[in-house]
Amino acid sequence: AAHGFDHVVVDEAQDLHPAQWRVLRAAV
């Protein structure tokens, strides 16, 4: 609630690495 987001929208997702996906998954 203090450090994350309510929604995450990802564009051009095909180039993201699993480590980058993990930080997005953790952000919401």
PDB file of all heavy atoms in Angstrom:
ATOM      1  N   ALA A   1       0.828  -1.206   0.000  1.00  0.00           N
ATOM      2  CA  ALA A   1       0.000   0.000   0.000  1.00  0.00           C
ATOM      3  C   ALA A   1       0.863   1.257   0.000  1.00  0.00           C
ATOM      4  O   ALA A   1       0.460   2.303  -0.509  1.00  0.00           O
ATOM      5  CB  ALA A   1      -0.912  -0.004   1.217  1.00  0.00           C
ATOM      6  N   ALA A   2       2.079   1.132   0.552  1.00  0.00           N
ATOM      7  CA  ALA A   2       2.980   2.284   0.617  1.00  0.00           C
ATOM      8  C   ALA A   2       3.986   2.297  -0.518  1.00  0.00           C
ATOM      9  O   ALA A   2       4.403   3.367  -0.974  1.00  0.00           O
ATOM     10  CB  ALA A   2       3.712   2.294   1.960  1.00  0.00           C
ATOM     11  N   HIS A   3       4.399   1.112  -0.958  1.00  0.00           N
ATOM     12  CA  HIS A   3       5.499   1.050  -1.926  1.00  0.00           C
ATOM     13  C   HIS A   3       5.126   0.401  -3.250  1.00  0.00           C
ATOM     14  O   HIS A   3       5.940   0.383  -4.168  1.00  0.00           O
ATOM     15  CB  HIS A   3       6.676   0.285  -1.314  1.00  0.00           C
ATOM     16  CG  HIS A   3       7.234   0.920  -0.082  1.00  0.00           C
ATOM     17  ND1 HIS A   3       8.045   2.027  -0.123  1.00  0.00           N
ATOM     18  CD2 HIS A   3       7.079   0.622   1.230  1.00  0.00           C
ATOM     19  CE1 HIS A   3       8.383   2.380   1.103  1.00  0.00           C
ATOM     20  NE2 HIS A   3       7.806   1.549   1.948  1.00  0.00           N
ATOM     21  N   GLY A   4       3.929  -0.145  -3.353  1.00  0.00           N
ATOM     22  CA  GLY A   4       3.533  -0.819  -4.580  1.00  0.00           C
ATOM     23  C   GLY A   4       2.488  -0.039  -5.350  1.00  0.00           C
ATOM     24  O   GLY A   4       2.325   1.180  -5.174  1.00  0.00           O
ATOM     25  N   PHE A   5       1.755  -0.751  -6.199  1.00  0.00           N
ATOM     26  CA  PHE A   5       0.734  -0.145  -7.047  1.00  0.00           C
ATOM     27  C   PHE A   5      -0.538  -0.969  -6.967  1.00  0.00           C
ATOM     28  O   PHE A   5      -0.524  -2.142  -6.604  1.00  0.00           O
ATOM     29  CB  PHE A   5       1.227  -0.066  -8.497  1.00  0.00           C
ATOM     30  CG  PHE A   5       2.332   0.934  -8.705  1.00  0.00           C
ATOM     31  CD1 PHE A   5       3.653   0.590  -8.462  1.00  0.00           C
ATOM     32  CD2 PHE A   5       2.051   2.220  -9.111  1.00  0.00           C
ATOM     33  CE1 PHE A   5       4.676   1.508  -8.633  1.00  0.00           C
ATOM     34  CE2 PHE A   5       3.057   3.155  -9.282  1.00  0.00           C
ATOM     35  CZ  PHE A   5       4.369   2.799  -9.044  1.00  0.00           C
ATOM     36  N   ASP A   6      -1.635  -0.340  -7.352  1.00  0.00           N
ATOM     37  CA  ASP A   6      -2.910  -1.055  -7.400  1.00  0.00           C
ATOM     38  C   ASP A   6      -3.052  -1.837  -8.704  1.00  0.00           C
ATOM     39  O   ASP A   6      -3.733  -2.863  -8.739  1.00  0.00           O
ATOM     40  CB  ASP A   6      -4.060  -0.056  -7.264  1.00  0.00           C
ATOM     41  CG  ASP A   6      -3.998   0.695  -5.953  1.00  0.00           C
ATOM     42  OD1 ASP A   6      -4.283   0.085  -4.911  1.00  0.00           O
ATOM     43  OD2 ASP A   6      -3.625   1.891  -5.977  1.00  0.00           O
ATOM     44  N   HIS A   7      -2.419  -1.322  -9.762  1.00  0.00           N
ATOM     45  CA  HIS A   7      -2.480  -1.981 -11.065  1.00  0.00           C
ATOM     46  C   HIS A   7      -1.136  -1.789 -11.773  1.00  0.00           C
ATOM     47  O   HIS A   7      -0.501  -0.736 -11.644  1.00  0.00           O
ATOM     48  CB  HIS A   7      -3.584  -1.386 -11.940  1.00  0.00           C
ATOM     49  CG  HIS A   7      -4.906  -1.251 -11.250  1.00  0.00           C
ATOM     50  ND1 HIS A   7      -5.737  -2.320 -11.026  1.00  0.00           N
ATOM     51  CD2 HIS A   7      -5.541  -0.154 -10.729  1.00  0.00           C
ATOM     52  CE1 HIS A   7      -6.829  -1.902 -10.406  1.00  0.00           C
ATOM     53  NE2 HIS A   7      -6.732  -0.591 -10.205  1.00  0.00           N
ATOM     54  N   VAL A   8      -0.729  -2.793 -12.526  1.00  0.00           N
ATOM     55  CA  VAL A   8       0.470  -2.697 -13.352  1.00  0.00           C
ATOM     56  C   VAL A   8       0.089  -3.014 -14.796  1.00  0.00           C
ATOM     57  O   VAL A   8      -0.525  -4.052 -15.066  1.00  0.00           O
ATOM     58  CB  VAL A   8       1.573  -3.667 -12.877  1.00  0.00           C
ATOM     59  CG1 VAL A   8       2.747  -3.661 -13.859  1.00  0.00           C
ATOM     60  CG2 VAL A   8       2.050  -3.294 -11.482  1.00  0.00           C
ATOM     61  N   VAL A   9       0.426  -2.110 -15.711  1.00  0.00           N
ATOM     62  CA  VAL A   9       0.170  -2.297 -17.140  1.00  0.00           C
ATOM     63  C   VAL A   9       1.524  -2.377 -17.838  1.00  0.00           C
ATOM     64  O   VAL A   9       2.370  -1.492 -17.674  1.00  0.00           O
ATOM     65  CB  VAL A   9      -0.671  -1.138 -17.712  1.00  0.00           C
ATOM     66  CG1 VAL A   9      -0.869  -1.310 -19.211  1.00  0.00           C
ATOM     67  CG2 VAL A   9      -2.031  -1.077 -16.999  1.00  0.00           C
ATOM     68  N   VAL A  10       1.733  -3.449 -18.609  1.00  0.00           N
ATOM     69  CA  VAL A  10       3.032  -3.732 -19.223  1.00  0.00           C
ATOM     70  C   VAL A  10       2.895  -3.704 -20.739  1.00  0.00           C
ATOM     71  O   VAL A  10       2.066  -4.427 -21.305  1.00  0.00           O
ATOM     72  CB  VAL A  10       3.568  -5.110 -18.784  1.00  0.00           C
ATOM     73  CG1 VAL A  10       4.987  -5.312 -19.297  1.00  0.00           C
ATOM     74  CG2 VAL A  10       3.509  -5.258 -17.271  1.00  0.00           C
ATOM     75  N   ASP A  11       3.690  -2.885 -21.404  1.00  0.00           N
ATOM     76  CA  ASP A  11       3.709  -2.839 -22.867  1.00  0.00           C
ATOM     77  C   ASP A  11       5.016  -3.430 -23.384  1.00  0.00           C
ATOM     78  O   ASP A  11       6.056  -3.340 -22.733  1.00  0.00           O
ATOM     79  CB  ASP A  11       3.555  -1.392 -23.345  1.00  0.00           C
ATOM     80  CG  ASP A  11       3.316  -1.302 -24.850  1.00  0.00           C
ATOM     81  OD1 ASP A  11       2.610  -2.174 -25.382  1.00  0.00           O
ATOM     82  OD2 ASP A  11       3.835  -0.368 -25.473  1.00  0.00           O
ATOM     83  N   GLU A  12       4.971  -4.032 -24.588  1.00  0.00           N
ATOM     84  CA  GLU A  12       6.134  -4.692 -25.189  1.00  0.00           C
ATOM     85  C   GLU A  12       6.691  -5.749 -24.239  1.00  0.00           C
ATOM     86  O   GLU A  12       7.900  -5.837 -23.992  1.00  0.00           O
ATOM     87  CB  GLU A  12       7.212  -3.662 -25.553  1.00  0.00           C
ATOM     88  CG  GLU A  12       6.759  -2.619 -26.558  1.00  0.00           C
ATOM     89  CD  GLU A  12       6.536  -3.162 -27.969  1.00  0.00           C
ATOM     90  OE1 GLU A  12       6.856  -4.342 -28.220  1.00  0.00           O
ATOM     91  OE2 GLU A  12       6.029  -2.412 -28.821  1.00  0.00           O
ATOM     92  N   ALA A  13       5.805  -6.577 -23.746  1.00  0.00           N
ATOM     93  CA  ALA A  13       6.171  -7.539 -22.701  1.00  0.00           C
ATOM     94  C   ALA A  13       7.072  -8.657 -23.186  1.00  0.00           C
ATOM     95  O   ALA A  13       7.716  -9.330 -22.371  1.00  0.00           O
ATOM     96  CB  ALA A  13       4.888  -8.139 -22.101  1.00  0.00           C
ATOM     97  N   GLN A  14       7.146  -8.874 -24.475  1.00  0.00           N
ATOM     98  CA  GLN A  14       7.881 -10.032 -24.991  1.00  0.00           C
ATOM     99  C   GLN A  14       9.379  -9.973 -24.707  1.00  0.00           C
ATOM    100  O   GLN A  14      10.052 -10.993 -24.752  1.00  0.00           O
ATOM    101  CB  GLN A  14       7.661 -10.181 -26.501  1.00  0.00           C
ATOM    102  CG  GLN A  14       8.289  -9.104 -27.371  1.00  0.00           C
ATOM    103  CD  GLN A  14       7.439  -7.855 -27.477  1.00  0.00           C
ATOM    104  OE1 GLN A  14       6.305  -7.827 -27.013  1.00  0.00           O
ATOM    105  NE2 GLN A  14       7.985  -6.809 -28.079  1.00  0.00           N
ATOM    106  N   ASP A  15       9.914  -8.800 -24.411  1.00  0.00           N
ATOM    107  CA  ASP A  15      11.352  -8.675 -24.201  1.00  0.00           C
ATOM    108  C   ASP A  15      11.757  -8.682 -22.732  1.00  0.00           C
ATOM    109  O   ASP A  15      12.934  -8.513 -22.414  1.00  0.00           O
ATOM    110  CB  ASP A  15      11.877  -7.392 -24.869  1.00  0.00           C
ATOM    111  CG  ASP A  15      12.006  -7.542 -26.382  1.00  0.00           C
ATOM    112  OD1 ASP A  15      12.462  -8.617 -26.823  1.00  0.00           O
ATOM    113  OD2 ASP A  15      11.629  -6.616 -27.103  1.00  0.00           O
ATOM    114  N   LEU A  16      10.814  -8.883 -21.838  1.00  0.00           N
ATOM    115  CA  LEU A  16      11.146  -8.865 -20.419  1.00  0.00           C
ATOM    116  C   LEU A  16      11.686 -10.211 -19.955  1.00  0.00           C
ATOM    117  O   LEU A  16      11.201 -11.271 -20.343  1.00  0.00           O
ATOM    118  CB  LEU A  16       9.917  -8.497 -19.588  1.00  0.00           C
ATOM    119  CG  LEU A  16       9.336  -7.102 -19.822  1.00  0.00           C
ATOM    120  CD1 LEU A  16       8.180  -6.855 -18.868  1.00  0.00           C
ATOM    121  CD2 LEU A  16      10.397  -6.028 -19.660  1.00  0.00           C
ATOM    122  N   HIS A  17      12.689 -10.162 -19.106  1.00  0.00           N
ATOM    123  CA  HIS A  17      13.340 -11.340 -18.537  1.00  0.00           C
ATOM    124  C   HIS A  17      12.552 -11.796 -17.301  1.00  0.00           C
ATOM    125  O   HIS A  17      11.874 -10.987 -16.646  1.00  0.00           O
ATOM    126  CB  HIS A  17      14.780 -10.963 -18.150  1.00  0.00           C
ATOM    127  CG  HIS A  17      15.593 -12.085 -17.633  1.00  0.00           C
ATOM    128  ND1 HIS A  17      15.589 -12.466 -16.301  1.00  0.00           N
ATOM    129  CD2 HIS A  17      16.464 -12.921 -18.252  1.00  0.00           C
ATOM    130  CE1 HIS A  17      16.414 -13.482 -16.133  1.00  0.00           C
ATOM    131  NE2 HIS A  17      16.957 -13.783 -17.300  1.00  0.00           N
ATOM    132  N   PRO A  18      12.630 -13.088 -16.924  1.00  0.00           N
ATOM    133  CA  PRO A  18      11.932 -13.546 -15.719  1.00  0.00           C
ATOM    134  C   PRO A  18      12.241 -12.716 -14.476  1.00  0.00           C
ATOM    135  O   PRO A  18      11.358 -12.496 -13.636  1.00  0.00           O
ATOM    136  CB  PRO A  18      12.416 -14.992 -15.563  1.00  0.00           C
ATOM    137  CG  PRO A  18      12.670 -15.440 -16.970  1.00  0.00           C
ATOM    138  CD  PRO A  18      13.204 -14.228 -17.673  1.00  0.00           C
ATOM    139  N   ALA A  19      13.486 -12.240 -14.329  1.00  0.00           N
ATOM    140  CA  ALA A  19      13.813 -11.404 -13.163  1.00  0.00           C
ATOM    141  C   ALA A  19      13.028 -10.101 -13.186  1.00  0.00           C
ATOM    142  O   ALA A  19      12.644  -9.572 -12.126  1.00  0.00           O
ATOM    143  CB  ALA A  19      15.317 -11.117 -13.135  1.00  0.00           C
ATOM    144  N   GLN A  20      12.787  -9.566 -14.379  1.00  0.00           N
ATOM    145  CA  GLN A  20      11.988  -8.348 -14.494  1.00  0.00           C
ATOM    146  C   GLN A  20      10.514  -8.635 -14.222  1.00  0.00           C
ATOM    147  O   GLN A  20       9.815  -7.831 -13.593  1.00  0.00           O
ATOM    148  CB  GLN A  20      12.179  -7.742 -15.883  1.00  0.00           C
ATOM    149  CG  GLN A  20      13.609  -7.247 -16.119  1.00  0.00           C
ATOM    150  CD  GLN A  20      13.862  -6.887 -17.566  1.00  0.00           C
ATOM    151  OE1 GLN A  20      13.520  -7.635 -18.481  1.00  0.00           O
ATOM    152  NE2 GLN A  20      14.464  -5.730 -17.781  1.00  0.00           N
ATOM    153  N   TRP A  21      10.040  -9.789 -14.645  1.00  0.00           N
ATOM    154  CA  TRP A  21       8.663 -10.172 -14.348  1.00  0.00           C
ATOM    155  C   TRP A  21       8.455 -10.331 -12.840  1.00  0.00           C
ATOM    156  O   TRP A  21       7.390  -9.998 -12.316  1.00  0.00           O
ATOM    157  CB  TRP A  21       8.298 -11.468 -15.066  1.00  0.00           C
ATOM    158  CG  TRP A  21       7.958 -11.273 -16.505  1.00  0.00           C
ATOM    159  CD1 TRP A  21       8.676 -11.696 -17.596  1.00  0.00           C
ATOM    160  CD2 TRP A  21       6.815 -10.606 -17.033  1.00  0.00           C
ATOM    161  NE1 TRP A  21       8.055 -11.316 -18.758  1.00  0.00           N
ATOM    162  CE2 TRP A  21       6.911 -10.645 -18.442  1.00  0.00           C
ATOM    163  CE3 TRP A  21       5.726  -9.958 -16.443  1.00  0.00           C
ATOM    164  CZ2 TRP A  21       5.943 -10.077 -19.264  1.00  0.00           C
ATOM    165  CZ3 TRP A  21       4.762  -9.388 -17.265  1.00  0.00           C
ATOM    166  CH2 TRP A  21       4.874  -9.448 -18.662  1.00  0.00           C
ATOM    167  N   ARG A  22       9.472 -10.847 -12.147  1.00  0.00           N
ATOM    168  CA  ARG A  22       9.322 -11.049 -10.698  1.00  0.00           C
ATOM    169  C   ARG A  22       9.139  -9.725  -9.963  1.00  0.00           C
ATOM    170  O   ARG A  22       8.357  -9.634  -9.012  1.00  0.00           O
ATOM    171  CB  ARG A  22      10.531 -11.809 -10.143  1.00  0.00           C
ATOM    172  CG  ARG A  22      10.558 -13.271 -10.532  1.00  0.00           C
ATOM    173  CD  ARG A  22      11.608 -14.063  -9.760  1.00  0.00           C
ATOM    174  NE  ARG A  22      11.692 -15.415 -10.291  1.00  0.00           N
ATOM    175  CZ  ARG A  22      12.545 -15.798 -11.242  1.00  0.00           C
ATOM    176  NH1 ARG A  22      13.420 -14.928 -11.721  1.00  0.00           N
ATOM    177  NH2 ARG A  22      12.537 -17.037 -11.685  1.00  0.00           N
ATOM    178  N   VAL A  23       9.855  -8.697 -10.401  1.00  0.00           N
ATOM    179  CA  VAL A  23       9.705  -7.413  -9.717  1.00  0.00           C
ATOM    180  C   VAL A  23       8.332  -6.808 -10.018  1.00  0.00           C
ATOM    181  O   VAL A  23       7.716  -6.170  -9.157  1.00  0.00           O
ATOM    182  CB  VAL A  23      10.855  -6.442 -10.073  1.00  0.00           C
ATOM    183  CG1 VAL A  23      10.731  -5.896 -11.476  1.00  0.00           C
ATOM    184  CG2 VAL A  23      10.896  -5.283  -9.086  1.00  0.00           C
ATOM    185  N   LEU A  24       7.802  -7.041 -11.212  1.00  0.00           N
ATOM    186  CA  LEU A  24       6.462  -6.550 -11.531  1.00  0.00           C
ATOM    187  C   LEU A  24       5.400  -7.326 -10.762  1.00  0.00           C
ATOM    188  O   LEU A  24       4.425  -6.745 -10.266  1.00  0.00           O
ATOM    189  CB  LEU A  24       6.207  -6.656 -13.039  1.00  0.00           C
ATOM    190  CG  LEU A  24       7.078  -5.761 -13.928  1.00  0.00           C
ATOM    191  CD1 LEU A  24       6.753  -5.986 -15.390  1.00  0.00           C
ATOM    192  CD2 LEU A  24       6.920  -4.288 -13.560  1.00  0.00           C
ATOM    193  N   ARG A  25       5.607  -8.643 -10.663  1.00  0.00           N
ATOM    194  CA  ARG A  25       4.665  -9.458  -9.900  1.00  0.00           C
ATOM    195  C   ARG A  25       4.658  -9.020  -8.428  1.00  0.00           C
ATOM    196  O   ARG A  25       3.603  -8.991  -7.775  1.00  0.00           O
ATOM    197  CB  ARG A  25       5.057 -10.927 -10.020  1.00  0.00           C
ATOM    198  CG  ARG A  25       4.260 -11.953  -9.192  1.00  0.00           C
ATOM    199  CD  ARG A  25       2.806 -12.086  -9.625  1.00  0.00           C
ATOM    200  NE  ARG A  25       1.961 -11.002  -9.129  1.00  0.00           N
ATOM    201  CZ  ARG A  25       0.663 -10.872  -9.385  1.00  0.00           C
ATOM    202  NH1 ARG A  25       0.068 -11.768 -10.166  1.00  0.00           N
ATOM    203  NH2 ARG A  25      -0.024  -9.870  -8.898  1.00  0.00           N
ATOM    204  N   ALA A  26       5.843  -8.652  -7.931  1.00  0.00           N
ATOM    205  CA  ALA A  26       5.950  -8.237  -6.523  1.00  0.00           C
ATOM    206  C   ALA A  26       5.420  -6.830  -6.287  1.00  0.00           C
ATOM    207  O   ALA A  26       5.135  -6.457  -5.146  1.00  0.00           O
ATOM    208  CB  ALA A  26       7.406  -8.319  -6.074  1.00  0.00           C
ATOM    209  N   ALA A  27       5.271  -6.037  -7.353  1.00  0.00           N
ATOM    210  CA  ALA A  27       4.867  -4.634  -7.199  1.00  0.00           C
ATOM    211  C   ALA A  27       3.372  -4.454  -7.019  1.00  0.00           C
ATOM    212  O   ALA A  27       2.919  -3.353  -6.678  1.00  0.00           O
ATOM    213  CB  ALA A  27       5.331  -3.821  -8.407  1.00  0.00           C
ATOM    214  N   VAL A  28       2.593  -5.502  -7.243  1.00  0.00           N
ATOM    215  CA  VAL A  28       1.141  -5.405  -7.131  1.00  0.00           C
ATOM    216  C   VAL A  28       0.608  -6.676  -6.488  1.00  0.00           C
ATOM    217  O   VAL A  28       1.055  -7.779  -6.814  1.00  0.00           O
ATOM    218  CB  VAL A  28       0.500  -5.168  -8.521  1.00  0.00           C
ATOM    219  CG1 VAL A  28       0.823  -6.291  -9.489  1.00  0.00           C
ATOM    220  CG2 VAL A  28      -1.007  -4.974  -8.406  1.00  0.00           C
TER     221      VAL A  28
END
